Amino acid sequence: MLVLATVVFFVCEAKAQTVDSLRPYRHNTHHREITLLIGYDQGRYGNAEVGLAANVFGSAHHPYAMAAFIGSEVRVDRTTLIGPKVGIWLAGGLAMGAQAIYYTDGHERSFVLRPEYGFGFHKFKVTYGYNFRITNKDLQGINSHLLNLTYCFRLARLKGDDDRLR
């Protein structure tokens, strides 16, 4: 009898889910933008980068961000070394991405693949990258290891952006 009373008590008092009206409102956002990507890479040499990106970012249960971009890197102390590039990155606190870069100084060329890993939030990221040289491993002035800081400035909102609907 004591066991039955205990079971009935716990069944009556247990609340597995709250009523919807008691649930706190969670503000979900979703943004789609075309942005101006500005960044700086520092390894043995410093590189400035500029490009155009398509960003999707927001927050629901967790913040999230995705970007695909095209742009170019230029070494700040040797402006003849430039690197047109394409890349993607994903972020949600931790960030990861990849870039394909084609460095040239006008005479020599080198194709590089760069995976990145670090921290990112919405349109901002700080990552560590390593350049894997695919061709011409002797071209001087390309970092092997680098730290990257990037921010994307909004140029236009795209269809499906929450703020565009208001």
N, C-alpha and C. Protein backbone atom coordinates (compact mmCIF):
# COMPACT_ATOMS: atom_id res chain seq x y z
N MET A 1 0.81 -1.18 0.00
CA MET A 1 0.00 0.00 0.00
C MET A 1 0.87 1.26 0.00
N LEU A 2 1.96 1.23 0.76
CA LEU A 2 2.87 2.38 0.81
C LEU A 2 3.50 2.63 -0.56
N VAL A 3 3.82 1.56 -1.27
CA VAL A 3 4.41 1.69 -2.61
C VAL A 3 3.40 2.33 -3.55
N LEU A 4 2.15 1.90 -3.50
CA LEU A 4 1.11 2.47 -4.36
C LEU A 4 0.90 3.95 -4.06
N ALA A 5 0.90 4.33 -2.82
CA ALA A 5 0.73 5.73 -2.44
C ALA A 5 1.91 6.57 -2.92
N THR A 6 3.12 6.02 -2.84
CA THR A 6 4.30 6.74 -3.32
C THR A 6 4.25 6.94 -4.83
N VAL A 7 3.86 5.91 -5.57
CA VAL A 7 3.75 6.02 -7.03
C VAL A 7 2.70 7.05 -7.41
N VAL A 8 1.53 7.01 -6.78
CA VAL A 8 0.47 7.97 -7.07
C VAL A 8 0.94 9.39 -6.76
N PHE A 9 1.65 9.57 -5.66
CA PHE A 9 2.16 10.90 -5.31
C PHE A 9 3.10 11.44 -6.38
N PHE A 10 4.06 10.62 -6.81
CA PHE A 10 5.03 11.08 -7.81
C PHE A 10 4.39 11.32 -9.17
N VAL A 11 3.41 10.50 -9.54
CA VAL A 11 2.71 10.70 -10.82
C VAL A 11 1.94 12.01 -10.79
N CYS A 12 1.30 12.31 -9.69
CA CYS A 12 0.51 13.54 -9.59
C CYS A 12 1.39 14.78 -9.51
N GLU A 13 2.54 14.67 -8.92
CA GLU A 13 3.41 15.82 -8.73
C GLU A 13 4.44 16.02 -9.83
N ALA A 14 4.70 15.01 -10.63
CA ALA A 14 5.72 15.11 -11.68
C ALA A 14 5.20 15.99 -12.81
N LYS A 15 6.07 16.86 -13.28
CA LYS A 15 5.73 17.74 -14.40
C LYS A 15 6.86 17.62 -15.41
N ALA A 16 6.64 16.85 -16.44
CA ALA A 16 7.68 16.63 -17.43
C ALA A 16 7.81 17.81 -18.38
N GLN A 17 6.70 18.49 -18.67
CA GLN A 17 6.75 19.62 -19.59
C GLN A 17 5.93 20.76 -19.02
N THR A 18 6.37 21.96 -19.33
CA THR A 18 5.60 23.12 -18.89
C THR A 18 4.54 23.44 -19.92
N VAL A 19 3.52 24.14 -19.48
CA VAL A 19 2.47 24.60 -20.39
C VAL A 19 3.08 25.65 -21.31
N ASP A 20 2.62 25.71 -22.55
CA ASP A 20 3.19 26.64 -23.53
C ASP A 20 3.16 28.08 -23.07
N SER A 21 2.15 28.48 -22.33
CA SER A 21 2.07 29.87 -21.89
C SER A 21 3.12 30.20 -20.83
N LEU A 22 3.68 29.18 -20.18
CA LEU A 22 4.71 29.41 -19.18
C LEU A 22 6.11 29.42 -19.78
N ARG A 23 6.22 28.93 -21.01
CA ARG A 23 7.54 28.84 -21.65
C ARG A 23 8.03 30.24 -22.01
N PRO A 24 9.27 30.57 -21.64
CA PRO A 24 9.79 31.89 -21.99
C PRO A 24 9.94 32.03 -23.50
N TYR A 25 9.67 33.22 -24.00
CA TYR A 25 9.77 33.49 -25.43
C TYR A 25 11.24 33.52 -25.84
N ARG A 26 11.57 32.74 -26.83
CA ARG A 26 12.94 32.71 -27.36
C ARG A 26 12.94 33.51 -28.66
N HIS A 27 13.77 34.52 -28.72
CA HIS A 27 13.82 35.38 -29.90
C HIS A 27 14.71 34.74 -30.96
N ASN A 28 14.11 34.24 -32.03
CA ASN A 28 14.85 33.64 -33.13
C ASN A 28 15.10 34.69 -34.20
N THR A 29 16.29 34.70 -34.76
CA THR A 29 16.61 35.62 -35.85
C THR A 29 17.25 34.84 -36.99
N HIS A 30 17.09 35.36 -38.19
CA HIS A 30 17.71 34.77 -39.37
C HIS A 30 18.01 35.90 -40.34
N HIS A 31 19.27 36.01 -40.76
CA HIS A 31 19.69 37.08 -41.65
C HIS A 31 20.41 36.51 -42.86
N ARG A 32 20.15 37.10 -44.02
CA ARG A 32 20.83 36.76 -45.28
C ARG A 32 21.31 38.06 -45.88
N GLU A 33 22.63 38.18 -46.09
CA GLU A 33 23.20 39.44 -46.55
C GLU A 33 24.33 39.22 -47.55
N ILE A 34 24.54 40.23 -48.38
CA ILE A 34 25.76 40.35 -49.17
C ILE A 34 26.65 41.31 -48.37
N THR A 35 27.90 40.92 -48.13
CA THR A 35 28.76 41.71 -47.26
C THR A 35 30.11 41.99 -47.90
N LEU A 36 30.75 43.03 -47.39
CA LEU A 36 32.13 43.35 -47.73
C LEU A 36 33.00 42.69 -46.67
N LEU A 37 33.80 41.72 -47.09
CA LEU A 37 34.67 40.98 -46.17
C LEU A 37 36.00 41.71 -46.06
N ILE A 38 36.39 42.06 -44.84
CA ILE A 38 37.67 42.71 -44.56
C ILE A 38 38.40 41.84 -43.54
N GLY A 39 39.68 41.58 -43.80
CA GLY A 39 40.42 40.74 -42.87
C GLY A 39 41.90 41.02 -42.87
N TYR A 40 42.56 40.43 -41.90
CA TYR A 40 44.01 40.55 -41.78
C TYR A 40 44.56 39.20 -41.33
N ASP A 41 45.61 38.74 -42.00
CA ASP A 41 46.29 37.49 -41.65
C ASP A 41 47.68 37.85 -41.14
N GLN A 42 48.09 37.24 -40.03
CA GLN A 42 49.43 37.47 -39.53
C GLN A 42 50.10 36.14 -39.26
N GLY A 43 51.18 35.93 -39.93
CA GLY A 43 52.06 34.79 -39.70
C GLY A 43 53.45 35.39 -39.66
N ARG A 44 54.35 34.81 -40.42
CA ARG A 44 55.66 35.44 -40.57
C ARG A 44 55.52 36.77 -41.33
N TYR A 45 54.55 36.81 -42.25
CA TYR A 45 54.26 38.00 -43.05
C TYR A 45 52.81 38.41 -42.80
N GLY A 46 52.52 39.69 -42.96
CA GLY A 46 51.17 40.19 -42.80
C GLY A 46 50.47 40.33 -44.14
N ASN A 47 49.21 39.91 -44.20
CA ASN A 47 48.40 40.02 -45.41
C ASN A 47 47.08 40.70 -45.08
N ALA A 48 46.68 41.64 -45.93
CA ALA A 48 45.35 42.23 -45.83
C ALA A 48 44.47 41.53 -46.84
N GLU A 49 43.19 41.36 -46.50
CA GLU A 49 42.28 40.72 -47.44
C GLU A 49 41.00 41.52 -47.57
N VAL A 50 40.43 41.49 -48.77
CA VAL A 50 39.17 42.16 -49.05
C VAL A 50 38.41 41.29 -50.04
N GLY A 51 37.08 41.26 -49.89
CA GLY A 51 36.28 40.44 -50.79
C GLY A 51 34.80 40.66 -50.60
N LEU A 52 34.01 39.92 -51.35
CA LEU A 52 32.56 39.92 -51.24
C LEU A 52 32.11 38.58 -50.70
N ALA A 53 31.15 38.60 -49.78
CA ALA A 53 30.68 37.36 -49.17
C ALA A 53 29.16 37.31 -49.16
N ALA A 54 28.63 36.12 -49.22
CA ALA A 54 27.21 35.87 -48.99
C ALA A 54 27.12 35.23 -47.61
N ASN A 55 26.48 35.94 -46.67
CA ASN A 55 26.40 35.47 -45.28
C ASN A 55 24.98 35.07 -44.93
N VAL A 56 24.86 34.01 -44.16
CA VAL A 56 23.62 33.60 -43.51
C VAL A 56 23.97 33.43 -42.05
N PHE A 57 23.27 34.16 -41.18
CA PHE A 57 23.57 34.05 -39.75
C PHE A 57 22.33 34.36 -38.94
N GLY A 58 22.37 34.01 -37.68
CA GLY A 58 21.25 34.29 -36.79
C GLY A 58 21.38 33.50 -35.51
N SER A 59 20.25 33.34 -34.84
CA SER A 59 20.25 32.56 -33.62
C SER A 59 18.87 31.93 -33.44
N ALA A 60 18.87 30.74 -32.94
CA ALA A 60 17.65 30.03 -32.57
C ALA A 60 17.94 29.46 -31.19
N HIS A 61 18.20 28.18 -31.12
CA HIS A 61 18.63 27.61 -29.85
C HIS A 61 20.09 27.98 -29.59
N HIS A 62 20.88 28.09 -30.67
CA HIS A 62 22.28 28.50 -30.61
C HIS A 62 22.54 29.49 -31.75
N PRO A 63 23.55 30.35 -31.62
CA PRO A 63 23.91 31.21 -32.75
C PRO A 63 24.56 30.38 -33.86
N TYR A 64 24.39 30.84 -35.09
CA TYR A 64 24.99 30.15 -36.23
C TYR A 64 25.40 31.17 -37.28
N ALA A 65 26.34 30.78 -38.12
CA ALA A 65 26.77 31.63 -39.23
C ALA A 65 27.38 30.76 -40.32
N MET A 66 27.15 31.18 -41.56
CA MET A 66 27.74 30.52 -42.73
C MET A 66 28.12 31.61 -43.71
N ALA A 67 29.22 31.43 -44.41
CA ALA A 67 29.64 32.41 -45.41
C ALA A 67 30.36 31.71 -46.55
N ALA A 68 30.12 32.21 -47.75
CA ALA A 68 30.88 31.81 -48.94
C ALA A 68 31.39 33.11 -49.54
N PHE A 69 32.66 33.14 -49.94
CA PHE A 69 33.21 34.42 -50.39
C PHE A 69 34.22 34.26 -51.51
N ILE A 70 34.42 35.38 -52.21
CA ILE A 70 35.51 35.52 -53.18
C ILE A 70 36.24 36.79 -52.80
N GLY A 71 37.54 36.82 -53.02
CA GLY A 71 38.30 38.01 -52.65
C GLY A 71 39.74 37.88 -53.06
N SER A 72 40.57 38.66 -52.39
CA SER A 72 41.99 38.66 -52.69
C SER A 72 42.77 39.04 -51.45
N GLU A 73 43.96 38.45 -51.33
CA GLU A 73 44.92 38.80 -50.29
C GLU A 73 46.06 39.55 -50.92
N VAL A 74 46.61 40.51 -50.20
CA VAL A 74 47.82 41.19 -50.65
C VAL A 74 48.75 41.33 -49.45
N ARG A 75 50.00 41.02 -49.66
CA ARG A 75 50.97 41.15 -48.58
C ARG A 75 51.22 42.62 -48.34
N VAL A 76 51.17 43.06 -47.08
CA VAL A 76 51.22 44.49 -46.78
C VAL A 76 52.59 45.11 -47.02
N ASP A 77 53.66 44.33 -46.91
CA ASP A 77 55.00 44.91 -47.10
C ASP A 77 55.57 44.59 -48.48
N ARG A 78 54.86 43.83 -49.28
CA ARG A 78 55.31 43.48 -50.63
C ARG A 78 54.07 43.36 -51.51
N THR A 79 53.57 44.48 -51.95
CA THR A 79 52.27 44.51 -52.61
C THR A 79 52.26 43.83 -53.97
N THR A 80 53.40 43.36 -54.45
CA THR A 80 53.39 42.62 -55.71
C THR A 80 52.93 41.18 -55.51
N LEU A 81 52.92 40.68 -54.28
CA LEU A 81 52.45 39.32 -54.01
C LEU A 81 50.97 39.38 -53.66
N ILE A 82 50.13 38.92 -54.58
CA ILE A 82 48.69 38.92 -54.35
C ILE A 82 48.16 37.50 -54.46
N GLY A 83 46.99 37.28 -53.87
CA GLY A 83 46.40 35.95 -53.90
C GLY A 83 44.89 35.99 -54.04
N PRO A 84 44.37 35.93 -55.27
CA PRO A 84 42.92 35.78 -55.44
C PRO A 84 42.47 34.48 -54.78
N LYS A 85 41.26 34.50 -54.16
CA LYS A 85 40.85 33.31 -53.41
C LYS A 85 39.34 33.16 -53.36
N VAL A 86 38.92 31.94 -53.06
CA VAL A 86 37.53 31.61 -52.77
C VAL A 86 37.53 30.79 -51.49
N GLY A 87 36.43 30.89 -50.74
CA GLY A 87 36.39 30.13 -49.50
C GLY A 87 35.01 30.05 -48.89
N ILE A 88 34.91 29.23 -47.86
CA ILE A 88 33.69 29.08 -47.08
C ILE A 88 34.07 28.98 -45.60
N TRP A 89 33.14 29.36 -44.73
CA TRP A 89 33.32 29.09 -43.30
C TRP A 89 31.98 28.95 -42.61
N LEU A 90 31.98 28.19 -41.54
CA LEU A 90 30.82 27.93 -40.70
C LEU A 90 31.20 28.29 -39.27
N ALA A 91 30.26 28.88 -38.55
CA ALA A 91 30.56 29.25 -37.17
C ALA A 91 29.31 29.08 -36.30
N GLY A 92 29.55 28.80 -35.06
CA GLY A 92 28.51 28.71 -34.06
C GLY A 92 29.17 28.72 -32.69
N GLY A 93 30.07 29.67 -32.51
CA GLY A 93 30.97 29.68 -31.36
C GLY A 93 32.33 29.23 -31.84
N LEU A 94 32.42 27.96 -32.24
CA LEU A 94 33.61 27.46 -32.92
C LEU A 94 33.43 27.71 -34.41
N ALA A 95 34.53 27.98 -35.09
CA ALA A 95 34.46 28.25 -36.53
C ALA A 95 35.42 27.33 -37.26
N MET A 96 35.02 26.93 -38.46
CA MET A 96 35.91 26.16 -39.33
C MET A 96 35.62 26.56 -40.77
N GLY A 97 36.65 26.49 -41.58
CA GLY A 97 36.47 26.87 -42.96
C GLY A 97 37.61 26.38 -43.82
N ALA A 98 37.54 26.74 -45.09
CA ALA A 98 38.57 26.35 -46.05
C ALA A 98 38.66 27.42 -47.13
N GLN A 99 39.87 27.61 -47.65
CA GLN A 99 40.10 28.58 -48.72
C GLN A 99 41.00 27.95 -49.77
N ALA A 100 40.78 28.35 -51.01
CA ALA A 100 41.67 28.00 -52.11
C ALA A 100 42.25 29.31 -52.63
N ILE A 101 43.58 29.44 -52.62
CA ILE A 101 44.25 30.70 -52.94
C ILE A 101 45.27 30.46 -54.05
N TYR A 102 45.34 31.40 -54.99
CA TYR A 102 46.28 31.31 -56.10
C TYR A 102 47.22 32.51 -56.01
N TYR A 103 48.35 32.33 -55.31
CA TYR A 103 49.31 33.42 -55.11
C TYR A 103 50.13 33.65 -56.38
N THR A 104 50.42 34.91 -56.66
CA THR A 104 51.31 35.26 -57.76
C THR A 104 52.03 36.56 -57.44
N ASP A 105 53.27 36.65 -57.92
CA ASP A 105 54.02 37.91 -57.80
C ASP A 105 54.27 38.51 -59.18
N GLY A 106 53.57 38.01 -60.18
CA GLY A 106 53.75 38.48 -61.54
C GLY A 106 54.61 37.57 -62.37
N HIS A 107 55.50 36.82 -61.73
CA HIS A 107 56.40 35.91 -62.44
C HIS A 107 56.15 34.46 -62.03
N GLU A 108 56.09 34.22 -60.72
CA GLU A 108 55.89 32.87 -60.21
C GLU A 108 54.48 32.76 -59.63
N ARG A 109 53.97 31.52 -59.60
CA ARG A 109 52.63 31.28 -59.10
C ARG A 109 52.64 30.07 -58.16
N SER A 110 51.69 30.07 -57.21
CA SER A 110 51.57 28.94 -56.29
C SER A 110 50.10 28.78 -55.89
N PHE A 111 49.58 27.56 -56.02
CA PHE A 111 48.22 27.25 -55.60
C PHE A 111 48.27 26.68 -54.19
N VAL A 112 47.42 27.23 -53.30
CA VAL A 112 47.45 26.88 -51.88
C VAL A 112 46.05 26.52 -51.41
N LEU A 113 45.94 25.48 -50.59
CA LEU A 113 44.70 25.16 -49.88
C LEU A 113 44.91 25.45 -48.40
N ARG A 114 43.94 26.15 -47.80
CA ARG A 114 44.09 26.55 -46.39
C ARG A 114 42.86 26.13 -45.57
N PRO A 115 42.99 25.11 -44.73
CA PRO A 115 41.93 24.85 -43.75
C PRO A 115 42.09 25.81 -42.57
N GLU A 116 40.97 26.16 -41.94
CA GLU A 116 40.99 27.10 -40.81
C GLU A 116 40.14 26.53 -39.67
N TYR A 117 40.54 26.87 -38.46
CA TYR A 117 39.80 26.45 -37.28
C TYR A 117 39.98 27.51 -36.20
N GLY A 118 38.90 27.88 -35.52
CA GLY A 118 39.01 28.89 -34.48
C GLY A 118 37.67 29.21 -33.86
N PHE A 119 37.41 30.51 -33.67
CA PHE A 119 36.19 30.99 -33.04
C PHE A 119 35.48 31.95 -33.98
N GLY A 120 34.15 31.87 -34.01
CA GLY A 120 33.38 32.77 -34.86
C GLY A 120 31.99 32.99 -34.31
N PHE A 121 31.46 34.17 -34.58
CA PHE A 121 30.13 34.53 -34.13
C PHE A 121 29.54 35.50 -35.14
N HIS A 122 28.42 35.12 -35.74
CA HIS A 122 27.73 35.90 -36.77
C HIS A 122 28.67 36.29 -37.91
N LYS A 123 29.09 37.54 -38.03
CA LYS A 123 29.91 37.97 -39.17
C LYS A 123 31.37 38.18 -38.80
N PHE A 124 31.79 37.64 -37.68
CA PHE A 124 33.15 37.83 -37.17
C PHE A 124 33.80 36.48 -36.91
N LYS A 125 35.10 36.37 -37.22
CA LYS A 125 35.81 35.14 -36.91
C LYS A 125 37.28 35.41 -36.64
N VAL A 126 37.85 34.60 -35.77
CA VAL A 126 39.29 34.57 -35.51
C VAL A 126 39.70 33.11 -35.66
N THR A 127 40.60 32.84 -36.60
CA THR A 127 40.96 31.45 -36.89
C THR A 127 42.46 31.28 -37.04
N TYR A 128 42.90 30.04 -36.84
CA TYR A 128 44.26 29.62 -37.15
C TYR A 128 44.18 28.89 -38.48
N GLY A 129 45.11 29.18 -39.38
CA GLY A 129 45.13 28.50 -40.67
C GLY A 129 46.51 27.96 -41.00
N TYR A 130 46.52 26.93 -41.82
CA TYR A 130 47.77 26.37 -42.31
C TYR A 130 47.68 26.28 -43.82
N ASN A 131 48.69 26.81 -44.51
CA ASN A 131 48.71 26.78 -45.97
C ASN A 131 49.38 25.51 -46.48
N PHE A 132 48.62 24.70 -47.19
CA PHE A 132 49.17 23.53 -47.88
C PHE A 132 49.47 23.95 -49.31
N ARG A 133 50.74 24.03 -49.64
CA ARG A 133 51.13 24.43 -51.00
C ARG A 133 50.99 23.23 -51.93
N ILE A 134 50.18 23.40 -52.94
CA ILE A 134 49.94 22.33 -53.90
C ILE A 134 50.94 22.41 -55.05
N THR A 135 51.19 23.62 -55.53
CA THR A 135 52.17 23.81 -56.62
C THR A 135 53.21 24.83 -56.18
N ASN A 136 54.36 24.82 -56.80
CA ASN A 136 55.46 25.76 -56.58
C ASN A 136 55.70 26.02 -55.09
N LYS A 137 56.23 25.05 -54.42
CA LYS A 137 56.48 25.15 -52.98
C LYS A 137 57.64 26.09 -52.66
N ASP A 138 58.33 26.60 -53.68
CA ASP A 138 59.49 27.46 -53.48
C ASP A 138 59.17 28.95 -53.54
N LEU A 139 57.94 29.34 -53.88
CA LEU A 139 57.60 30.76 -53.95
C LEU A 139 57.74 31.38 -52.56
N GLN A 140 58.58 32.39 -52.43
CA GLN A 140 58.87 33.04 -51.15
C GLN A 140 57.77 34.03 -50.77
N GLY A 141 57.57 34.20 -49.47
CA GLY A 141 56.65 35.22 -48.96
C GLY A 141 55.27 34.72 -48.60
N ILE A 142 55.06 33.41 -48.64
CA ILE A 142 53.77 32.84 -48.27
C ILE A 142 53.89 32.23 -46.87
N ASN A 143 52.97 32.59 -45.99
CA ASN A 143 52.96 32.04 -44.63
C ASN A 143 52.66 30.56 -44.64
N SER A 144 53.28 29.83 -43.72
CA SER A 144 52.89 28.44 -43.49
C SER A 144 51.77 28.39 -42.46
N HIS A 145 51.97 29.04 -41.32
CA HIS A 145 50.99 29.13 -40.24
C HIS A 145 50.56 30.58 -40.14
N LEU A 146 49.28 30.81 -39.80
CA LEU A 146 48.83 32.20 -39.66
C LEU A 146 47.61 32.29 -38.76
N LEU A 147 47.42 33.47 -38.22
CA LEU A 147 46.24 33.82 -37.44
C LEU A 147 45.43 34.80 -38.28
N ASN A 148 44.13 34.55 -38.41
CA ASN A 148 43.27 35.37 -39.27
C ASN A 148 42.19 36.04 -38.44
N LEU A 149 41.94 37.31 -38.72
CA LEU A 149 40.87 38.09 -38.10
C LEU A 149 40.02 38.64 -39.23
N THR A 150 38.71 38.34 -39.23
CA THR A 150 37.83 38.74 -40.33
C THR A 150 36.51 39.28 -39.80
N TYR A 151 36.00 40.32 -40.48
CA TYR A 151 34.66 40.84 -40.21
C TYR A 151 33.98 41.15 -41.53
N CYS A 152 32.68 40.94 -41.60
CA CYS A 152 31.91 41.19 -42.82
C CYS A 152 30.94 42.35 -42.58
N PHE A 153 31.06 43.41 -43.39
CA PHE A 153 30.20 44.59 -43.29
C PHE A 153 29.05 44.47 -44.29
N ARG A 154 27.82 44.69 -43.83
CA ARG A 154 26.64 44.53 -44.68
C ARG A 154 26.63 45.53 -45.82
N LEU A 155 26.40 45.03 -47.03
CA LEU A 155 26.17 45.87 -48.21
C LEU A 155 24.70 45.84 -48.61
N ALA A 156 24.07 44.66 -48.53
CA ALA A 156 22.67 44.52 -48.92
C ALA A 156 22.04 43.34 -48.20
N ARG A 157 20.76 43.50 -47.88
CA ARG A 157 19.99 42.39 -47.32
C ARG A 157 19.35 41.61 -48.46
N LEU A 158 19.28 40.31 -48.31
CA LEU A 158 18.70 39.45 -49.34
C LEU A 158 17.30 39.00 -48.95
N LYS A 159 16.58 38.48 -49.92
CA LYS A 159 15.24 37.96 -49.68
C LYS A 159 15.32 36.86 -48.62
N GLY A 160 14.44 36.93 -47.64
CA GLY A 160 14.45 35.96 -46.55
C GLY A 160 15.09 36.49 -45.28
N ASP A 161 15.64 37.71 -45.32
CA ASP A 161 16.24 38.32 -44.13
C ASP A 161 15.12 38.81 -43.22
N ASP A 162 15.19 38.49 -41.93
CA ASP A 162 14.16 38.89 -40.97
C ASP A 162 13.95 40.40 -40.94
N ASP A 163 15.02 41.19 -40.95
CA ASP A 163 14.89 42.64 -40.86
C ASP A 163 14.31 43.24 -42.13
N ARG A 164 14.45 42.57 -43.25
CA ARG A 164 13.90 43.07 -44.50
C ARG A 164 12.38 42.93 -44.50
N LEU A 165 11.85 41.99 -43.73
CA LEU A 165 10.42 41.75 -43.69
C LEU A 165 9.68 42.76 -42.82
N ARG A 166 10.37 43.46 -41.96
CA ARG A 166 9.71 44.39 -41.03
C ARG A 166 9.49 45.74 -41.65
